[in-house]
Protein backbone atom coordinates (compact mmCIF):
# COMPACT_ATOMS: atom_id res chain seq x y z
CA MET A 1 -23.04 -5.76 12.15
CA ASN A 2 -22.54 -8.20 14.89
CA LYS A 3 -20.62 -7.86 17.88
CA ASN A 4 -18.03 -10.28 16.59
CA THR A 5 -17.88 -8.64 13.13
CA TYR A 6 -17.60 -5.28 15.10
CA ASN A 7 -14.88 -6.57 17.41
CA HIS A 8 -12.89 -8.23 14.76
CA ILE A 9 -12.91 -4.99 12.47
CA ARG A 10 -11.61 -2.72 15.17
CA GLN A 11 -8.88 -5.33 16.19
CA LEU A 12 -7.56 -5.27 12.55
CA ILE A 13 -7.78 -1.26 12.36
CA GLU A 14 -5.79 -1.28 15.86
CA ASP A 15 -3.44 -3.77 14.76
CA SER A 16 -2.81 -1.49 11.58
CA GLY A 17 -1.07 1.11 13.77
CA LEU A 18 -2.32 3.68 11.76
CA ILE A 19 -4.61 5.35 14.68
CA ARG A 20 -2.50 7.62 16.71
CA SER A 21 -4.76 7.82 19.62
CA PHE A 22 -4.82 4.13 20.26
CA GLU A 23 -2.06 2.68 22.18
CA ASN A 24 -1.02 -0.45 20.28
CA GLU A 25 0.31 -3.14 22.38
CA LYS A 26 4.38 -4.09 21.22
CA LYS A 27 4.28 -7.08 18.34
CA GLU A 28 5.42 -10.53 19.99
CA TYR A 29 7.28 -11.82 17.00
CA HIS A 30 7.75 -15.36 16.69
CA SER A 31 11.71 -16.55 16.60
CA PHE A 32 12.02 -18.13 13.08
CA ASP A 33 15.20 -20.17 12.98
CA PHE A 34 16.39 -19.30 9.51
CA SER A 35 20.25 -19.41 11.03
CA ASN A 36 21.38 -21.35 7.85
CA GLU A 37 19.44 -19.46 5.27
CA THR A 38 20.49 -16.70 2.96
CA ILE A 39 17.05 -14.86 2.58
CA LEU A 40 15.98 -12.60 -0.53
CA ILE A 41 13.07 -10.73 -0.39
CA THR A 42 11.83 -8.73 -3.48
CA GLY A 43 9.45 -5.38 -2.86
CA ALA A 44 11.45 -5.37 0.95
CA ALA A 45 10.18 -1.94 1.43
CA GLY A 46 6.29 -2.63 0.82
CA SER A 47 4.06 -3.61 3.30
CA VAL A 48 4.58 -7.27 2.76
CA GLY A 49 8.12 -7.22 2.46
CA SER A 50 8.86 -4.86 5.19
CA GLU A 51 7.02 -6.58 7.67
CA LEU A 52 8.40 -9.99 6.56
CA SER A 53 11.79 -8.51 6.78
CA LYS A 54 11.35 -7.23 10.73
CA GLN A 55 9.91 -10.65 11.61
CA ILE A 56 13.09 -12.27 10.26
CA VAL A 57 15.45 -10.03 11.73
CA ALA A 58 13.68 -10.82 15.04
CA GLY A 59 14.85 -14.24 14.65
CA GLN A 60 17.84 -16.04 13.26
CA PHE A 61 19.15 -16.06 9.90
CA LYS A 62 22.38 -16.22 8.08
CA LYS A 63 21.92 -13.23 5.79
CA LEU A 64 18.97 -11.01 4.44
CA ILE A 65 19.06 -9.31 0.92
CA LEU A 66 16.46 -6.74 0.88
CA ILE A 67 15.35 -5.35 -2.71
CA ASP A 68 13.47 -2.45 -3.69
CA VAL A 69 13.07 -0.36 -6.75
CA ALA A 70 11.82 2.63 -4.49
CA GLU A 71 14.70 4.52 -3.09
CA SER A 72 13.15 6.52 -0.37
CA PRO A 73 11.07 3.54 0.99
CA LEU A 74 14.38 1.56 0.96
CA TYR A 75 16.25 4.08 2.78
CA ASN A 76 13.47 4.12 5.44
CA LEU A 77 13.90 0.46 5.91
CA TYR A 78 17.54 1.06 6.31
CA LYS A 79 16.74 3.61 9.03
CA ASP A 80 14.56 1.10 10.70
CA PHE A 81 17.50 -1.32 11.08
CA GLU A 82 20.15 1.14 12.34
CA ASN A 83 20.32 -0.72 15.59
CA GLU A 84 20.68 -4.30 14.11
CA GLU A 85 23.60 -6.23 12.91
CA LEU A 86 24.04 -4.51 9.61
CA SER A 87 26.53 -6.74 8.30
CA LYS A 88 24.17 -9.57 8.06
CA ILE A 89 21.62 -7.05 6.12
CA GLU A 90 21.95 -6.08 2.30
CA PHE A 91 20.06 -3.00 0.97
CA ILE A 92 20.06 -3.21 -2.82
CA LEU A 93 18.24 -0.53 -4.98
CA LEU A 94 17.36 -3.03 -7.84
CA ASN A 95 14.63 -3.17 -10.50
CA ILE A 96 13.51 -7.11 -10.72
CA LYS A 97 12.77 -6.32 -14.34
CA GLU A 98 16.47 -5.99 -14.94
CA GLN A 99 18.01 -9.82 -15.69
CA ASP A 100 21.65 -8.62 -15.69
CA GLU A 101 21.31 -6.80 -12.21
CA LEU A 102 19.18 -9.77 -10.69
CA LYS A 103 21.65 -12.61 -11.87
CA TYR A 104 24.66 -10.55 -10.13
CA VAL A 105 22.72 -10.76 -6.99
CA PHE A 106 22.28 -14.45 -7.36
CA GLU A 107 25.84 -15.03 -8.04
CA THR A 108 27.30 -12.73 -5.35
CA TYR A 109 24.58 -13.86 -2.49
CA LYS A 110 23.38 -17.24 -3.45
CA PRO A 111 20.13 -16.86 -1.80
CA THR A 112 18.39 -20.07 -0.32
CA ILE A 113 15.03 -18.63 0.10
CA ILE A 114 13.17 -16.15 -1.72
CA PHE A 115 10.03 -13.89 -0.49
CA HIS A 116 8.79 -12.49 -3.89
CA ALA A 117 6.58 -9.71 -2.87
CA ALA A 118 7.14 -6.86 -5.24
CA ALA A 119 4.31 -6.27 -7.67
CA TYR A 120 2.09 -3.85 -8.81
CA LYS A 121 -1.15 -4.24 -7.31
CA HIS A 122 -3.77 -1.37 -7.60
CA VAL A 123 -6.20 -2.69 -9.84
CA PRO A 124 -7.61 0.85 -11.51
CA LEU A 125 -3.74 1.45 -12.54
CA MET A 126 -3.13 -1.82 -13.63
CA GLU A 127 -6.02 -1.77 -16.14
CA ALA A 128 -4.93 1.38 -17.59
CA HIS A 129 -1.16 0.12 -17.65
CA PRO A 130 -1.59 -3.58 -18.48
CA TYR A 131 2.15 -3.30 -20.26
CA GLU A 132 3.44 -2.79 -16.85
CA ALA A 133 1.53 -5.55 -15.07
CA ILE A 134 3.07 -7.83 -17.60
CA LYS A 135 6.88 -6.60 -17.18
CA THR A 136 6.57 -6.76 -13.39
CA ASN A 137 3.88 -9.22 -12.17
CA ILE A 138 4.46 -12.12 -14.96
CA LEU A 139 7.66 -11.53 -16.73
CA ALA A 140 9.89 -10.42 -13.71
CA THR A 141 8.36 -13.29 -11.65
CA LYS A 142 9.23 -15.67 -14.28
CA LEU A 143 12.97 -14.17 -14.18
CA LEU A 144 13.48 -14.60 -10.64
CA ALA A 145 11.92 -18.12 -10.93
CA ASP A 146 13.99 -19.39 -13.94
CA LEU A 147 17.22 -17.75 -11.61
CA SER A 148 15.93 -19.73 -8.59
CA ILE A 149 16.06 -23.06 -10.55
CA ASN A 150 19.49 -22.39 -12.17
CA TYR A 151 20.96 -21.38 -9.11
CA GLU A 152 19.64 -24.16 -7.14
CA VAL A 153 17.40 -21.79 -4.60
CA LYS A 154 15.53 -24.33 -1.83
CA LYS A 155 12.26 -22.49 -1.35
CA PHE A 156 10.29 -19.55 -3.30
CA ILE A 157 7.47 -18.12 -1.70
CA PHE A 158 5.39 -15.85 -3.73
CA ILE A 159 2.81 -13.37 -2.48
CA SER A 160 -0.54 -13.75 -4.49
CA THR A 161 -4.03 -12.53 -4.16
CA ASP A 162 -7.68 -13.31 -3.86
CA LYS A 163 -8.02 -11.00 -7.11
CA ALA A 164 -6.52 -14.03 -9.07
CA VAL A 165 -9.29 -16.21 -8.18
CA ASN A 166 -11.84 -16.03 -11.38
CA ALA A 167 -9.94 -13.01 -12.42
CA ILE A 168 -11.65 -10.24 -14.73
CA SER A 169 -8.94 -7.53 -13.81
CA VAL A 170 -5.34 -7.02 -15.57
CA MET A 171 -4.09 -7.00 -12.05
CA GLY A 172 -5.55 -10.41 -10.87
CA ILE A 173 -5.07 -11.65 -14.54
CA SER A 174 -1.23 -11.27 -14.26
CA LYS A 175 -1.00 -12.61 -10.81
CA ARG A 176 -2.91 -16.00 -11.80
CA ILE A 177 -0.81 -16.57 -14.93
CA ALA A 178 2.30 -15.95 -12.35
CA GLU A 179 0.69 -18.62 -10.31
CA ASN A 180 0.60 -20.89 -12.98
CA TYR A 181 3.92 -20.58 -14.20
CA LEU A 182 5.33 -21.33 -10.89
CA ILE A 183 2.90 -24.36 -10.63
CA GLN A 184 4.15 -25.52 -13.78
CA GLN A 185 8.05 -24.90 -12.95
CA SER A 186 7.71 -26.84 -9.95
CA GLN A 187 6.87 -30.24 -11.73
CA SER A 188 10.08 -30.31 -13.15
CA SER A 189 12.52 -28.33 -10.38
CA ASN A 190 14.08 -29.23 -7.27
CA THR A 191 13.08 -25.66 -5.80
CA ILE A 192 9.90 -25.50 -3.80
CA PHE A 193 7.66 -23.27 -5.01
CA SER A 194 4.87 -22.00 -2.71
CA ILE A 195 2.17 -19.84 -3.59
CA ALA A 196 0.37 -17.45 -0.54
CA ARG A 197 -2.95 -16.60 -1.56
CA PHE A 198 -4.58 -14.15 0.75
CA GLY A 199 -7.19 -10.94 0.67
CA ASN A 200 -6.45 -7.39 1.69
CA ILE A 201 -3.73 -6.19 4.17
CA MET A 202 -5.68 -4.23 6.63
CA GLY A 203 -3.64 -0.71 6.49
CA SER A 204 -1.22 -1.68 3.71
CA ASN A 205 -0.09 1.09 1.52
CA GLY A 206 -2.69 2.39 -0.89
CA SER A 207 -5.54 -0.10 0.83
CA VAL A 208 -8.86 1.26 2.17
CA LEU A 209 -8.07 2.06 5.64
CA PRO A 210 -5.66 4.68 5.38
CA ILE A 211 -7.47 6.17 2.43
CA PHE A 212 -10.40 6.64 4.63
CA ILE A 213 -8.42 8.26 7.72
CA LYS A 214 -6.88 10.85 5.38
CA GLN A 215 -10.42 11.73 4.17
CA ILE A 216 -11.39 11.87 7.77
CA GLU A 217 -8.82 13.87 9.04
CA SER A 218 -9.20 16.07 5.91
CA HIS A 219 -12.79 16.60 6.71
CA LEU A 220 -13.62 14.85 2.99
CA PRO A 221 -16.48 12.48 2.63
CA LEU A 222 -15.45 8.94 2.53
CA THR A 223 -15.33 7.10 -1.02
CA ILE A 224 -17.03 3.93 -0.98
CA THR A 225 -17.67 1.97 -4.36
CA SER A 226 -20.91 0.53 -2.61
CA ASN A 227 -22.98 0.19 0.50
CA SER A 228 -22.70 -3.81 -0.20
CA ILE A 229 -19.25 -4.49 -1.46
CA THR A 230 -16.98 -6.87 0.45
CA ARG A 231 -13.55 -7.69 1.06
CA TYR A 232 -11.48 -10.25 2.78
CA PHE A 233 -8.99 -8.79 5.56
CA ILE A 234 -6.19 -9.93 7.38
CA GLY A 235 -3.40 -8.11 9.69
CA LYS A 236 -0.02 -7.52 8.36
CA HIS A 237 1.48 -9.01 11.22
CA LYS A 238 -0.45 -12.22 11.01
CA ALA A 239 -0.03 -12.27 7.17
CA CYS A 240 3.49 -12.16 7.32
CA HIS A 241 3.90 -14.91 10.26
CA LEU A 242 1.97 -17.24 8.27
CA ILE A 243 4.08 -16.62 4.80
CA LEU A 244 7.04 -17.44 7.43
CA GLN A 245 5.36 -20.25 8.61
CA LEU A 246 4.93 -21.57 5.03
CA ALA A 247 8.53 -21.12 4.16
CA THR A 248 9.06 -23.76 6.90
CA PHE A 249 6.88 -26.42 5.29
CA ASN A 250 8.64 -29.14 3.05
CA LYS A 251 7.54 -29.95 -0.46
CA MET A 252 3.63 -30.61 0.09
CA GLU A 253 0.94 -32.39 -2.42
CA SER A 254 -0.05 -28.49 -3.50
CA ASN A 255 2.06 -25.54 -4.23
CA LEU A 256 -0.94 -23.18 -3.66
CA PHE A 257 -1.98 -22.16 -0.34
CA THR A 258 -4.43 -19.81 1.47
CA PHE A 259 -5.13 -18.42 4.87
CA ASN A 260 -8.39 -18.82 7.00
CA MET A 261 -9.46 -15.21 6.45
CA GLY A 262 -12.57 -15.38 8.22
CA GLU A 263 -15.71 -14.15 6.46
CA PRO A 264 -15.75 -11.28 4.25
CA ILE A 265 -16.16 -8.02 5.56
CA LYS A 266 -18.24 -4.98 4.39
CA LEU A 267 -16.45 -1.54 3.66
CA ILE A 268 -19.20 0.18 5.26
CA ASP A 269 -18.79 -1.74 8.15
CA ILE A 270 -15.29 -0.80 8.10
CA VAL A 271 -16.61 2.97 8.29
CA GLU A 272 -18.98 2.64 10.87
CA VAL A 273 -15.99 1.07 13.08
CA LEU A 274 -14.21 4.12 12.18
CA THR A 275 -16.51 6.40 13.18
CA LYS A 276 -15.84 5.37 16.71
CA PHE A 277 -11.99 6.21 16.57
CA TYR A 278 -13.30 9.70 15.44
CA PRO A 279 -16.47 10.67 17.66
CA LYS A 280 -16.06 14.17 17.34
CA GLU A 281 -15.75 14.19 13.28
CA THR A 282 -18.82 14.27 11.15
CA ILE A 283 -18.48 11.98 8.87
CA GLU A 284 -20.41 11.84 5.35
CA MET A 285 -20.08 8.89 2.71
CA GLU A 286 -20.17 9.33 -1.24
CA ILE A 287 -20.73 6.50 -3.07
CA THR A 288 -18.79 6.31 -6.32
CA GLY A 289 -19.81 2.84 -8.07
CA LEU A 290 -17.13 0.37 -9.02
CA ARG A 291 -14.00 1.02 -10.74
CA PRO A 292 -12.50 -0.46 -13.86
CA GLY A 293 -11.43 -4.04 -12.94
CA GLU A 294 -13.12 -4.35 -9.92
CA LYS A 295 -15.22 -6.88 -8.39
CA HIS A 296 -18.15 -6.56 -6.00
CA GLU A 297 -16.98 -9.35 -3.81
CA GLU A 298 -13.84 -11.84 -4.19
CA THR A 299 -13.58 -15.18 -3.23
CA MET A 300 -10.17 -17.29 -2.23
CA ILE A 301 -10.69 -20.22 -4.71
CA SER A 302 -12.16 -20.94 -7.71
CA GLU A 303 -14.74 -23.61 -8.63
CA ASP A 304 -11.86 -25.60 -9.86
CA GLU A 305 -10.33 -25.77 -6.61
CA PHE A 306 -10.99 -27.02 -3.03
CA ILE A 307 -9.08 -26.72 0.07
CA ILE A 308 -7.55 -29.28 2.72
CA PRO A 309 -6.04 -28.47 5.94
CA THR A 310 -2.26 -28.56 6.62
CA GLU A 311 -0.40 -28.68 9.97
CA ASN A 312 -0.91 -25.04 10.33
CA GLU A 313 -5.15 -24.79 11.10
CA ALA A 314 -4.76 -21.06 9.86
CA ILE A 315 -2.91 -22.39 6.51
CA LEU A 316 -5.28 -24.14 4.14
CA GLN A 317 -3.73 -25.95 1.00
CA VAL A 318 -5.63 -25.29 -2.50
CA MET A 319 -5.91 -27.88 -4.67
CA ARG A 320 -7.08 -28.37 -8.25
CA LYS A 321 -10.15 -31.10 -8.50
CA PRO A 322 -8.75 -34.06 -10.20
CA ASN A 323 -10.89 -33.29 -13.85
CA LYS A 324 -9.71 -29.75 -14.11
CA SER A 325 -6.05 -29.53 -15.57
CA LEU A 326 -3.86 -26.80 -15.40
CA LYS A 327 -3.69 -24.87 -19.05
CA ILE A 328 0.22 -25.23 -19.80
CA LYS A 329 1.31 -22.61 -21.73
CA ASN A 330 4.68 -20.69 -22.44
CA LEU A 331 5.19 -16.98 -21.87
CA ASN A 332 6.96 -16.38 -25.41
CA ASP A 333 3.75 -14.41 -26.54
CA LEU A 334 3.68 -11.87 -23.67
CA GLU A 335 7.25 -11.00 -24.08
CA LYS A 336 6.33 -10.15 -27.58
CA ILE A 337 3.62 -7.21 -26.05
CA THR A 338 5.10 -3.68 -26.24
CA PRO A 339 3.59 -0.64 -24.76
CA TYR A 340 2.29 0.68 -28.38
CA GLN A 341 -0.36 -1.91 -28.01
CA SER A 342 -3.77 -0.63 -26.82
CA SER A 343 -4.88 -1.61 -23.27
CA LEU A 344 -7.65 -3.66 -24.57
CA GLU A 345 -5.38 -5.55 -27.00
CA ILE A 346 -2.93 -6.18 -24.13
CA LYS A 347 -5.97 -7.54 -21.69
CA ARG A 348 -7.38 -9.63 -24.57
CA LYS A 349 -4.10 -11.50 -24.98
CA LEU A 350 -3.90 -11.91 -21.41
CA LYS A 351 -7.05 -13.47 -21.04
CA MET A 352 -5.69 -16.26 -23.66
CA TYR A 353 -3.65 -17.57 -20.75
CA LEU A 354 -6.52 -18.12 -18.17
């Protein structure tokens, strides 16, 4: 590992705020001007949703609607904003799979910008529960998109993942299908659909960094799938800043965007840097092998795509090659899938949409 890689990983770890011994600098939030916008965030209590909400509150906004199905995390987010002007913020406990509840929110608050961050994201869990991946990652996204068109939402920003590229996992396939549906809808809609596709957020809930830290502090071996496995990483603050920048873009040539993520990082290099934060600990490692649905490495674009710059050097448009057309399919068959079908059968049907 060279010095630049070491410093990059150290900065990502420090920015996560998970190492208590490190004095993190106070984040400087860019003051976004959404003063004329009613903004709705799904998955608002999650890693991305909560950071988006904090950066929005630091700027100007007309109304902020924060939706999540997780009661305690949503309450914690409410407590984070106790000293803010709560008359401009609504906290709504809601399952985005429920059409009547969502329709009520659209009719009542009339959102103009939507950040759709809610999703099931853990690859092994979705391999075991593909029905839930379909209901939440695909059909709930479809429901939100359809309501956005019906209620004339101006912009809809969808949080996607590098796992949607050359997808082999249920989680990745479900996100790719959702990407394609939004691109398809944008062709006949006044709503601007933008897709933000990026890699792992360092320190997000359930990601590798908090797992490593917990294992170190519990004096357990660090579990790592392979000595050479790599992932793209980005800091939560930077990722959400770029997502909000994306919301200021007008209609562009492509609906799909990715961020300049730098070079992929070896997980074993993260372990090496972590040892510097815990010099008194004896850290052992256990190689576990890839879990179901996992890839050895990820890519940000497929062989059918290429990237071009935008006005922001950190944000890139993902373009489809001229001879590669998007497969247009309705999602009716997915709505007929039941939890009584086997995981293998459901995954086989999902692959038909790629």
